[in-house]
Amino acid sequence: MTATRTESPSARPAKGRGGLPTRFVRESVSEMRKVLWPSRNELVTYSIVVIVFVVIMVAIVAGLDFGFAKLVLQVFG
């Protein structure tokens, strides 16, 4: 019994040095076309949400840091 090939020729790695980078770029472009890109309004909204969240988290961490620093100075000061 002879073995048959089940994989397609395009699934095999390209021969030589020049094949792999071009295949990578071609497949990357193909995948980027599948991406559902946000509209301008969605992008602005998401960016504002992220910036507000980061500012709130920085304020919380800075407040805790300041509070703990004062507490340590009171205890060991």
PDB file of N, CA and C in Angstrom:
ATOM      1  N   MET A   1       0.846  -1.181   0.000  1.00  0.00           N
ATOM      2  CA  MET A   1       0.000   0.000   0.000  1.00  0.00           C
ATOM      3  C   MET A   1       0.887   1.238   0.000  1.00  0.00           C
ATOM      4  N   THR A   2       0.554   2.201  -0.806  1.00  0.00           N
ATOM      5  CA  THR A   2       1.347   3.421  -0.877  1.00  0.00           C
ATOM      6  C   THR A   2       0.732   4.494  -0.004  1.00  0.00           C
ATOM      7  N   ALA A   3       1.610   5.309   0.575  1.00  0.00           N
ATOM      8  CA  ALA A   3       1.133   6.412   1.415  1.00  0.00           C
ATOM      9  C   ALA A   3       0.731   7.573   0.521  1.00  0.00           C
ATOM     10  N   THR A   4      -0.319   8.237   0.895  1.00  0.00           N
ATOM     11  CA  THR A   4      -0.763   9.413   0.139  1.00  0.00           C
ATOM     12  C   THR A   4      -0.540  10.656   0.980  1.00  0.00           C
ATOM     13  N   ARG A   5      -0.349  11.721   0.297  1.00  0.00           N
ATOM     14  CA  ARG A   5      -0.162  13.003   0.968  1.00  0.00           C
ATOM     15  C   ARG A   5      -1.506  13.609   1.304  1.00  0.00           C
ATOM     16  N   THR A   6      -1.652  14.078   2.556  1.00  0.00           N
ATOM     17  CA  THR A   6      -2.915  14.703   2.946  1.00  0.00           C
ATOM     18  C   THR A   6      -2.797  16.211   3.077  1.00  0.00           C
ATOM     19  N   GLU A   7      -1.598  16.714   3.175  1.00  0.00           N
ATOM     20  CA  GLU A   7      -1.465  18.168   3.320  1.00  0.00           C
ATOM     21  C   GLU A   7      -1.298  18.803   1.956  1.00  0.00           C
ATOM     22  N   SER A   8      -1.810  20.008   1.844  1.00  0.00           N
ATOM     23  CA  SER A   8      -1.732  20.704   0.569  1.00  0.00           C
ATOM     24  C   SER A   8      -0.339  21.287   0.394  1.00  0.00           C
ATOM     25  N   PRO A   9       0.073  21.562  -0.825  1.00  0.00           N
ATOM     26  CA  PRO A   9       1.405  22.129  -1.053  1.00  0.00           C
ATOM     27  C   PRO A   9       1.602  23.476  -0.367  1.00  0.00           C
ATOM     28  N   SER A  10       0.530  24.273  -0.197  1.00  0.00           N
ATOM     29  CA  SER A  10       0.690  25.580   0.436  1.00  0.00           C
ATOM     30  C   SER A  10       0.901  25.467   1.939  1.00  0.00           C
ATOM     31  N   ALA A  11       0.591  24.306   2.544  1.00  0.00           N
ATOM     32  CA  ALA A  11       0.768  24.142   3.978  1.00  0.00           C
ATOM     33  C   ALA A  11       2.212  23.811   4.329  1.00  0.00           C
ATOM     34  N   ARG A  12       2.984  23.381   3.341  1.00  0.00           N
ATOM     35  CA  ARG A  12       4.379  23.046   3.593  1.00  0.00           C
ATOM     36  C   ARG A  12       5.215  24.316   3.636  1.00  0.00           C
ATOM     37  N   PRO A  13       6.295  24.320   4.434  1.00  0.00           N
ATOM     38  CA  PRO A  13       7.178  25.487   4.427  1.00  0.00           C
ATOM     39  C   PRO A  13       7.840  25.652   3.065  1.00  0.00           C
ATOM     40  N   ALA A  14       8.061  26.878   2.690  1.00  0.00           N
ATOM     41  CA  ALA A  14       8.668  27.161   1.394  1.00  0.00           C
ATOM     42  C   ALA A  14      10.136  26.761   1.413  1.00  0.00           C
ATOM     43  N   LYS A  15      10.627  26.331   0.273  1.00  0.00           N
ATOM     44  CA  LYS A  15      12.027  25.937   0.145  1.00  0.00           C
ATOM     45  C   LYS A  15      12.884  27.183  -0.045  1.00  0.00           C
ATOM     46  N   GLY A  16      14.077  27.142   0.477  1.00  0.00           N
ATOM     47  CA  GLY A  16      15.002  28.248   0.303  1.00  0.00           C
ATOM     48  C   GLY A  16      14.812  29.327   1.349  1.00  0.00           C
ATOM     49  N   ARG A  17      15.690  30.297   1.316  1.00  0.00           N
ATOM     50  CA  ARG A  17      15.667  31.355   2.324  1.00  0.00           C
ATOM     51  C   ARG A  17      14.604  32.404   2.064  1.00  0.00           C
ATOM     52  N   GLY A  18      14.264  32.675   0.834  1.00  0.00           N
ATOM     53  CA  GLY A  18      13.370  33.780   0.517  1.00  0.00           C
ATOM     54  C   GLY A  18      11.895  33.476   0.677  1.00  0.00           C
ATOM     55  N   GLY A  19      11.514  32.234   0.844  1.00  0.00           N
ATOM     56  CA  GLY A  19      10.105  31.877   0.869  1.00  0.00           C
ATOM     57  C   GLY A  19       9.411  32.199   2.165  1.00  0.00           C
ATOM     58  N   LEU A  20      10.057  31.958   3.290  1.00  0.00           N
ATOM     59  CA  LEU A  20       9.392  32.119   4.573  1.00  0.00           C
ATOM     60  C   LEU A  20       9.029  33.564   4.908  1.00  0.00           C
ATOM     61  N   PRO A  21       9.911  34.525   4.716  1.00  0.00           N
ATOM     62  CA  PRO A  21       9.513  35.916   5.027  1.00  0.00           C
ATOM     63  C   PRO A  21       8.359  36.408   4.157  1.00  0.00           C
ATOM     64  N   THR A  22       8.356  36.066   2.890  1.00  0.00           N
ATOM     65  CA  THR A  22       7.262  36.532   2.035  1.00  0.00           C
ATOM     66  C   THR A  22       5.959  35.841   2.406  1.00  0.00           C
ATOM     67  N   ARG A  23       6.039  34.568   2.772  1.00  0.00           N
ATOM     68  CA  ARG A  23       4.829  33.860   3.213  1.00  0.00           C
ATOM     69  C   ARG A  23       4.292  34.481   4.498  1.00  0.00           C
ATOM     70  N   PHE A  24       5.198  34.819   5.418  1.00  0.00           N
ATOM     71  CA  PHE A  24       4.788  35.446   6.675  1.00  0.00           C
ATOM     72  C   PHE A  24       4.074  36.765   6.416  1.00  0.00           C
ATOM     73  N   VAL A  25       4.637  37.595   5.556  1.00  0.00           N
ATOM     74  CA  VAL A  25       4.030  38.894   5.244  1.00  0.00           C
ATOM     75  C   VAL A  25       2.674  38.693   4.573  1.00  0.00           C
ATOM     76  N   ARG A  26       2.595  37.765   3.633  1.00  0.00           N
ATOM     77  CA  ARG A  26       1.340  37.500   2.926  1.00  0.00           C
ATOM     78  C   ARG A  26       0.259  37.025   3.893  1.00  0.00           C
ATOM     79  N   GLU A  27       0.614  36.111   4.809  1.00  0.00           N
ATOM     80  CA  GLU A  27      -0.365  35.617   5.776  1.00  0.00           C
ATOM     81  C   GLU A  27      -0.734  36.694   6.798  1.00  0.00           C
ATOM     82  N   SER A  28       0.234  37.537   7.158  1.00  0.00           N
ATOM     83  CA  SER A  28      -0.057  38.631   8.096  1.00  0.00           C
ATOM     84  C   SER A  28      -1.056  39.614   7.489  1.00  0.00           C
ATOM     85  N   VAL A  29      -0.852  39.976   6.253  1.00  0.00           N
ATOM     86  CA  VAL A  29      -1.779  40.887   5.566  1.00  0.00           C
ATOM     87  C   VAL A  29      -3.160  40.245   5.474  1.00  0.00           C
ATOM     88  N   SER A  30      -3.193  38.955   5.190  1.00  0.00           N
ATOM     89  CA  SER A  30      -4.476  38.246   5.116  1.00  0.00           C
ATOM     90  C   SER A  30      -5.200  38.274   6.450  1.00  0.00           C
ATOM     91  N   GLU A  31      -4.487  38.074   7.548  1.00  0.00           N
ATOM     92  CA  GLU A  31      -5.103  38.102   8.871  1.00  0.00           C
ATOM     93  C   GLU A  31      -5.549  39.512   9.246  1.00  0.00           C
ATOM     94  N   MET A  32      -4.777  40.527   8.868  1.00  0.00           N
ATOM     95  CA  MET A  32      -5.139  41.911   9.186  1.00  0.00           C
ATOM     96  C   MET A  32      -6.422  42.325   8.469  1.00  0.00           C
ATOM     97  N   ARG A  33      -6.675  41.744   7.299  1.00  0.00           N
ATOM     98  CA  ARG A  33      -7.918  42.057   6.584  1.00  0.00           C
ATOM     99  C   ARG A  33      -9.136  41.482   7.298  1.00  0.00           C
ATOM    100  N   LYS A  34      -8.934  40.453   8.120  1.00  0.00           N
ATOM    101  CA  LYS A  34     -10.040  39.829   8.847  1.00  0.00           C
ATOM    102  C   LYS A  34     -10.425  40.602  10.106  1.00  0.00           C
ATOM    103  N   VAL A  35      -9.574  41.533  10.532  1.00  0.00           N
ATOM    104  CA  VAL A  35      -9.800  42.261  11.780  1.00  0.00           C
ATOM    105  C   VAL A  35     -10.963  43.226  11.611  1.00  0.00           C
ATOM    106  N   LEU A  36     -11.830  43.273  12.618  1.00  0.00           N
ATOM    107  CA  LEU A  36     -12.923  44.235  12.632  1.00  0.00           C
ATOM    108  C   LEU A  36     -12.406  45.492  13.327  1.00  0.00           C
ATOM    109  N   TRP A  37     -12.049  46.493  12.539  1.00  0.00           N
ATOM    110  CA  TRP A  37     -11.459  47.705  13.076  1.00  0.00           C
ATOM    111  C   TRP A  37     -12.547  48.602  13.662  1.00  0.00           C
ATOM    112  N   PRO A  38     -12.269  49.269  14.797  1.00  0.00           N
ATOM    113  CA  PRO A  38     -13.265  50.163  15.394  1.00  0.00           C
ATOM    114  C   PRO A  38     -13.412  51.439  14.555  1.00  0.00           C
ATOM    115  N   SER A  39     -14.607  52.027  14.664  1.00  0.00           N
ATOM    116  CA  SER A  39     -14.816  53.300  13.976  1.00  0.00           C
ATOM    117  C   SER A  39     -14.095  54.401  14.756  1.00  0.00           C
ATOM    118  N   ARG A  40     -14.056  55.576  14.196  1.00  0.00           N
ATOM    119  CA  ARG A  40     -13.370  56.693  14.854  1.00  0.00           C
ATOM    120  C   ARG A  40     -14.027  57.024  16.194  1.00  0.00           C
ATOM    121  N   ASN A  41     -15.367  57.030  16.231  1.00  0.00           N
ATOM    122  CA  ASN A  41     -16.073  57.323  17.478  1.00  0.00           C
ATOM    123  C   ASN A  41     -15.791  56.265  18.542  1.00  0.00           C
ATOM    124  N   GLU A  42     -15.793  54.998  18.138  1.00  0.00           N
ATOM    125  CA  GLU A  42     -15.481  53.925  19.090  1.00  0.00           C
ATOM    126  C   GLU A  42     -14.058  54.061  19.615  1.00  0.00           C
ATOM    127  N   LEU A  43     -13.135  54.380  18.730  1.00  0.00           N
ATOM    128  CA  LEU A  43     -11.737  54.532  19.124  1.00  0.00           C
ATOM    129  C   LEU A  43     -11.565  55.664  20.126  1.00  0.00           C
ATOM    130  N   VAL A  44     -12.211  56.795  19.878  1.00  0.00           N
ATOM    131  CA  VAL A  44     -12.134  57.925  20.806  1.00  0.00           C
ATOM    132  C   VAL A  44     -12.764  57.555  22.149  1.00  0.00           C
ATOM    133  N   THR A  45     -13.912  56.891  22.116  1.00  0.00           N
ATOM    134  CA  THR A  45     -14.585  56.488  23.350  1.00  0.00           C
ATOM    135  C   THR A  45     -13.729  55.530  24.153  1.00  0.00           C
ATOM    136  N   TYR A  46     -13.175  54.503  23.499  1.00  0.00           N
ATOM    137  CA  TYR A  46     -12.339  53.534  24.195  1.00  0.00           C
ATOM    138  C   TYR A  46     -11.086  54.201  24.763  1.00  0.00           C
ATOM    139  N   SER A  47     -10.502  55.119  24.006  1.00  0.00           N
ATOM    140  CA  SER A  47      -9.299  55.805  24.480  1.00  0.00           C
ATOM    141  C   SER A  47      -9.601  56.639  25.718  1.00  0.00           C
ATOM    142  N   ILE A  48     -10.724  57.354  25.716  1.00  0.00           N
ATOM    143  CA  ILE A  48     -11.105  58.172  26.876  1.00  0.00           C
ATOM    144  C   ILE A  48     -11.352  57.283  28.089  1.00  0.00           C
ATOM    145  N   VAL A  49     -12.027  56.154  27.885  1.00  0.00           N
ATOM    146  CA  VAL A  49     -12.283  55.231  28.998  1.00  0.00           C
ATOM    147  C   VAL A  49     -10.973  54.735  29.585  1.00  0.00           C
ATOM    148  N   VAL A  50     -10.029  54.361  28.743  1.00  0.00           N
ATOM    149  CA  VAL A  50      -8.740  53.860  29.227  1.00  0.00           C
ATOM    150  C   VAL A  50      -7.986  54.949  29.971  1.00  0.00           C
ATOM    151  N   ILE A  51      -7.959  56.165  29.438  1.00  0.00           N
ATOM    152  CA  ILE A  51      -7.234  57.258  30.089  1.00  0.00           C
ATOM    153  C   ILE A  51      -7.861  57.585  31.441  1.00  0.00           C
ATOM    154  N   VAL A  52      -9.184  57.644  31.526  1.00  0.00           N
ATOM    155  CA  VAL A  52      -9.860  57.919  32.801  1.00  0.00           C
ATOM    156  C   VAL A  52      -9.566  56.815  33.804  1.00  0.00           C
ATOM    157  N   PHE A  53      -9.630  55.556  33.363  1.00  0.00           N
ATOM    158  CA  PHE A  53      -9.330  54.438  34.258  1.00  0.00           C
ATOM    159  C   PHE A  53      -7.901  54.518  34.783  1.00  0.00           C
ATOM    160  N   VAL A  54      -6.953  54.819  33.919  1.00  0.00           N
ATOM    161  CA  VAL A  54      -5.550  54.917  34.336  1.00  0.00           C
ATOM    162  C   VAL A  54      -5.369  56.065  35.324  1.00  0.00           C
ATOM    163  N   VAL A  55      -6.002  57.199  35.078  1.00  0.00           N
ATOM    164  CA  VAL A  55      -5.887  58.338  36.003  1.00  0.00           C
ATOM    165  C   VAL A  55      -6.466  57.971  37.366  1.00  0.00           C
ATOM    166  N   ILE A  56      -7.611  57.292  37.389  1.00  0.00           N
ATOM    167  CA  ILE A  56      -8.211  56.883  38.661  1.00  0.00           C
ATOM    168  C   ILE A  56      -7.289  55.913  39.396  1.00  0.00           C
ATOM    169  N   MET A  57      -6.739  54.935  38.687  1.00  0.00           N
ATOM    170  CA  MET A  57      -5.844  53.970  39.329  1.00  0.00           C
ATOM    171  C   MET A  57      -4.575  54.640  39.846  1.00  0.00           C
ATOM    172  N   VAL A  58      -4.028  55.584  39.093  1.00  0.00           N
ATOM    173  CA  VAL A  58      -2.836  56.318  39.558  1.00  0.00           C
ATOM    174  C   VAL A  58      -3.169  57.113  40.809  1.00  0.00           C
ATOM    175  N   ALA A  59      -4.343  57.732  40.851  1.00  0.00           N
ATOM    176  CA  ALA A  59      -4.749  58.497  42.028  1.00  0.00           C
ATOM    177  C   ALA A  59      -4.895  57.583  43.245  1.00  0.00           C
ATOM    178  N   ILE A  60      -5.484  56.402  43.056  1.00  0.00           N
ATOM    179  CA  ILE A  60      -5.642  55.464  44.166  1.00  0.00           C
ATOM    180  C   ILE A  60      -4.285  55.001  44.680  1.00  0.00           C
ATOM    181  N   VAL A  61      -3.408  54.593  43.773  1.00  0.00           N
ATOM    182  CA  VAL A  61      -2.081  54.114  44.182  1.00  0.00           C
ATOM    183  C   VAL A  61      -1.280  55.238  44.828  1.00  0.00           C
ATOM    184  N   ALA A  62      -1.341  56.444  44.283  1.00  0.00           N
ATOM    185  CA  ALA A  62      -0.619  57.572  44.871  1.00  0.00           C
ATOM    186  C   ALA A  62      -1.168  57.900  46.258  1.00  0.00           C
ATOM    187  N   GLY A  63      -2.489  57.859  46.412  1.00  0.00           N
ATOM    188  CA  GLY A  63      -3.089  58.112  47.725  1.00  0.00           C
ATOM    189  C   GLY A  63      -2.683  57.071  48.746  1.00  0.00           C
ATOM    190  N   LEU A  64      -2.710  55.796  48.353  1.00  0.00           N
ATOM    191  CA  LEU A  64      -2.268  54.732  49.258  1.00  0.00           C
ATOM    192  C   LEU A  64      -0.787  54.885  49.610  1.00  0.00           C
ATOM    193  N   ASP A  65       0.019  55.201  48.618  1.00  0.00           N
ATOM    194  CA  ASP A  65       1.454  55.393  48.864  1.00  0.00           C
ATOM    195  C   ASP A  65       1.683  56.543  49.833  1.00  0.00           C
ATOM    196  N   PHE A  66       0.999  57.645  49.615  1.00  0.00           N
ATOM    197  CA  PHE A  66       1.130  58.806  50.499  1.00  0.00           C
ATOM    198  C   PHE A  66       0.662  58.461  51.913  1.00  0.00           C
ATOM    199  N   GLY A  67      -0.485  57.762  52.011  1.00  0.00           N
ATOM    200  CA  GLY A  67      -1.023  57.381  53.318  1.00  0.00           C
ATOM    201  C   GLY A  67      -0.094  56.436  54.071  1.00  0.00           C
ATOM    202  N   PHE A  68       0.419  55.425  53.380  1.00  0.00           N
ATOM    203  CA  PHE A  68       1.337  54.492  54.033  1.00  0.00           C
ATOM    204  C   PHE A  68       2.641  55.168  54.421  1.00  0.00           C
ATOM    205  N   ALA A  69       3.113  56.107  53.612  1.00  0.00           N
ATOM    206  CA  ALA A  69       4.335  56.834  53.957  1.00  0.00           C
ATOM    207  C   ALA A  69       4.118  57.649  55.230  1.00  0.00           C
ATOM    208  N   LYS A  70       2.983  58.320  55.344  1.00  0.00           N
ATOM    209  CA  LYS A  70       2.666  59.080  56.558  1.00  0.00           C
ATOM    210  C   LYS A  70       2.562  58.144  57.764  1.00  0.00           C
ATOM    211  N   LEU A  71       1.902  56.987  57.566  1.00  0.00           N
ATOM    212  CA  LEU A  71       1.747  56.015  58.647  1.00  0.00           C
ATOM    213  C   LEU A  71       3.108  55.497  59.114  1.00  0.00           C
ATOM    214  N   VAL A  72       3.978  55.168  58.188  1.00  0.00           N
ATOM    215  CA  VAL A  72       5.312  54.682  58.553  1.00  0.00           C
ATOM    216  C   VAL A  72       6.092  55.770  59.280  1.00  0.00           C
ATOM    217  N   LEU A  73       5.992  57.005  58.853  1.00  0.00           N
ATOM    218  CA  LEU A  73       6.679  58.088  59.539  1.00  0.00           C
ATOM    219  C   LEU A  73       6.117  58.307  60.946  1.00  0.00           C
ATOM    220  N   GLN A  74       4.810  58.123  61.112  1.00  0.00           N
ATOM    221  CA  GLN A  74       4.210  58.252  62.447  1.00  0.00           C
ATOM    222  C   GLN A  74       4.677  57.126  63.368  1.00  0.00           C
ATOM    223  N   VAL A  75       4.744  55.923  62.841  1.00  0.00           N
ATOM    224  CA  VAL A  75       5.109  54.766  63.665  1.00  0.00           C
ATOM    225  C   VAL A  75       6.602  54.770  63.963  1.00  0.00           C
ATOM    226  N   PHE A  76       7.432  54.973  62.958  1.00  0.00           N
ATOM    227  CA  PHE A  76       8.880  54.869  63.148  1.00  0.00           C
ATOM    228  C   PHE A  76       9.584  56.219  63.208  1.00  0.00           C
ATOM    229  N   GLY A  77       8.858  57.297  63.021  1.00  0.00           N
ATOM    230  CA  GLY A  77       9.399  58.621  62.856  1.00  0.00           C
ATOM    231  C   GLY A  77      10.093  59.194  63.979  1.00  0.00           C
TER     232      GLY A  77
END
